[in-house]
Amino acid sequence: MTEEILLKIQEAEMDVEGALARFGGNSALYEKFLGKFLQDDNFKKIGAAVEAEDSQEMLIAAHTLKGVAGNLGLNGLMEVCAEMVSQLRSNSMEGALAAYPAMKEKYRKVCEAINSMEGIGG
């Protein structure tokens, strides 16, 4: 892994070591799931739900994305998804909407890091 890729992984707050442990050290399997993450549509569902101010759809998609992010070691993204879920469970649409810009930024950084990895996205 190049220094540039490692920097992108750090900026994306990815815990590759922890995720690899969950994947039994199988880096090929981990990379396969990172590739599948790029195809996951839950982030798009959150965006559509934000536009429609549909708190139920936002909750379902954010909760799902939180779980996927956690399993893959995408800690920064997982944390902001958890914040949105918490706000929605507290019936605070305003709080959930306030969490969305940070979620977009974390998601962008994660996708950029994954895309920079040879054989996965880039």
Protein backbone atom coordinates (compact mmCIF):
# COMPACT_ATOMS: atom_id res chain seq x y z
CA MET A 1 0.00 0.00 0.00
CA THR A 2 1.38 3.39 -0.94
CA GLU A 3 1.77 6.28 1.48
CA GLU A 4 -0.95 8.17 -0.44
CA ILE A 5 -3.44 5.31 0.04
CA LEU A 6 -2.56 5.02 3.74
CA LEU A 7 -3.17 8.76 4.15
CA LYS A 8 -6.60 8.47 2.49
CA ILE A 9 -7.46 5.54 4.77
CA GLN A 10 -6.47 7.61 7.81
CA GLU A 11 -8.45 10.64 6.58
CA ALA A 12 -11.47 8.38 6.09
CA GLU A 13 -11.10 7.10 9.68
CA MET A 14 -10.94 3.49 8.51
CA ASP A 15 -9.89 0.79 10.98
CA VAL A 16 -8.51 -1.69 8.48
CA GLU A 17 -6.77 -3.81 11.13
CA GLY A 18 -9.93 -4.18 13.22
CA ALA A 19 -12.02 -5.00 10.17
CA LEU A 20 -9.50 -7.57 8.98
CA ALA A 21 -9.72 -9.22 12.39
CA ARG A 22 -13.51 -9.49 11.94
CA PHE A 23 -12.87 -11.01 8.52
CA GLY A 24 -10.55 -13.63 10.03
CA GLY A 25 -7.53 -11.99 8.42
CA ASN A 26 -8.90 -12.68 4.94
CA SER A 27 -7.87 -9.52 3.11
CA ALA A 28 -9.32 -10.69 -0.22
CA LEU A 29 -12.74 -11.11 1.37
CA TYR A 30 -12.45 -7.71 3.08
CA GLU A 31 -11.53 -6.06 -0.21
CA LYS A 32 -14.49 -7.78 -1.89
CA PHE A 33 -16.86 -6.31 0.71
CA LEU A 34 -15.27 -2.86 0.38
CA GLY A 35 -16.03 -3.09 -3.34
CA LYS A 36 -19.62 -4.06 -2.56
CA PHE A 37 -19.86 -1.07 -0.21
CA LEU A 38 -19.37 1.23 -3.19
CA GLN A 39 -22.49 -0.32 -4.76
CA ASP A 40 -24.62 -0.10 -1.60
CA ASP A 41 -27.53 2.31 -2.06
CA ASN A 42 -28.28 3.21 1.56
CA PHE A 43 -26.43 6.52 1.35
CA LYS A 44 -28.54 7.47 -1.68
CA LYS A 45 -31.66 6.45 0.24
CA ILE A 46 -30.64 8.75 3.08
CA GLY A 47 -30.20 11.63 0.62
CA ALA A 48 -33.64 11.01 -0.89
CA ALA A 49 -35.17 10.78 2.58
CA VAL A 50 -33.49 14.05 3.60
CA GLU A 51 -34.97 15.75 0.53
CA ALA A 52 -38.41 14.31 1.31
CA GLU A 53 -38.01 14.86 5.06
CA ASP A 54 -39.01 11.20 5.51
CA SER A 55 -37.72 10.37 8.97
CA GLN A 56 -38.70 6.69 8.83
CA GLU A 57 -36.81 5.98 5.59
CA MET A 58 -33.91 8.05 6.86
CA LEU A 59 -33.81 6.00 10.07
CA ILE A 60 -33.90 2.64 8.26
CA ALA A 61 -31.19 3.60 5.76
CA ALA A 62 -28.95 5.32 8.35
CA HIS A 63 -29.22 2.36 10.72
CA THR A 64 -28.34 -0.06 7.91
CA LEU A 65 -25.42 2.08 6.74
CA LYS A 66 -24.20 2.35 10.34
CA GLY A 67 -24.05 -1.45 10.61
CA VAL A 68 -22.31 -1.91 7.28
CA ALA A 69 -19.81 0.84 8.10
CA GLY A 70 -19.11 -0.67 11.51
CA ASN A 71 -18.46 -4.13 10.11
CA LEU A 72 -16.08 -2.73 7.51
CA GLY A 73 -14.16 -0.57 9.99
CA LEU A 74 -15.43 2.71 8.53
CA ASN A 75 -15.47 4.23 11.99
CA GLY A 76 -15.93 7.90 11.11
CA LEU A 77 -18.90 7.12 8.89
CA MET A 78 -20.34 4.74 11.45
CA GLU A 79 -20.19 7.41 14.16
CA VAL A 80 -22.01 10.05 12.13
CA CYS A 81 -24.63 7.47 11.09
CA ALA A 82 -25.08 6.61 14.78
CA GLU A 83 -25.62 10.30 15.52
CA MET A 84 -28.31 10.55 12.84
CA VAL A 85 -30.00 7.38 14.14
CA SER A 86 -29.91 8.73 17.69
CA GLN A 87 -31.43 12.04 16.61
CA LEU A 88 -34.19 10.30 14.67
CA ARG A 89 -34.99 7.96 17.55
CA SER A 90 -35.33 11.07 19.73
CA ASN A 91 -37.77 12.48 17.17
CA SER A 92 -35.35 15.27 16.29
CA MET A 93 -35.56 15.75 12.55
CA GLU A 94 -33.61 18.98 12.99
CA GLY A 95 -30.76 17.10 14.69
CA ALA A 96 -30.80 14.39 12.02
CA LEU A 97 -30.66 16.97 9.25
CA ALA A 98 -27.80 18.72 11.04
CA ALA A 99 -25.83 15.42 10.99
CA TYR A 100 -26.27 14.97 7.24
CA PRO A 101 -23.49 17.32 5.98
CA ALA A 102 -20.91 15.51 8.14
CA MET A 103 -22.23 12.17 6.89
CA LYS A 104 -21.84 13.30 3.27
CA GLU A 105 -18.24 14.32 3.93
CA LYS A 106 -17.36 11.07 5.74
CA TYR A 107 -19.00 9.04 2.97
CA ARG A 108 -17.05 10.94 0.31
CA LYS A 109 -13.74 10.31 2.09
CA VAL A 110 -14.49 6.61 2.53
CA CYS A 111 -15.39 6.20 -1.15
CA GLU A 112 -12.27 8.11 -2.16
CA ALA A 113 -10.09 5.86 0.03
CA ILE A 114 -11.69 2.66 -1.28
CA ASN A 115 -11.42 3.86 -4.88
CA SER A 116 -7.71 4.55 -4.36
CA MET A 117 -7.04 0.91 -3.46
CA GLU A 118 -5.83 -1.15 -6.39
CA GLY A 119 -8.18 -3.88 -7.47
CA ILE A 120 -11.16 -2.56 -5.48
CA GLY A 121 -12.37 0.70 -6.84
CA GLY A 122 -9.40 2.19 -8.62
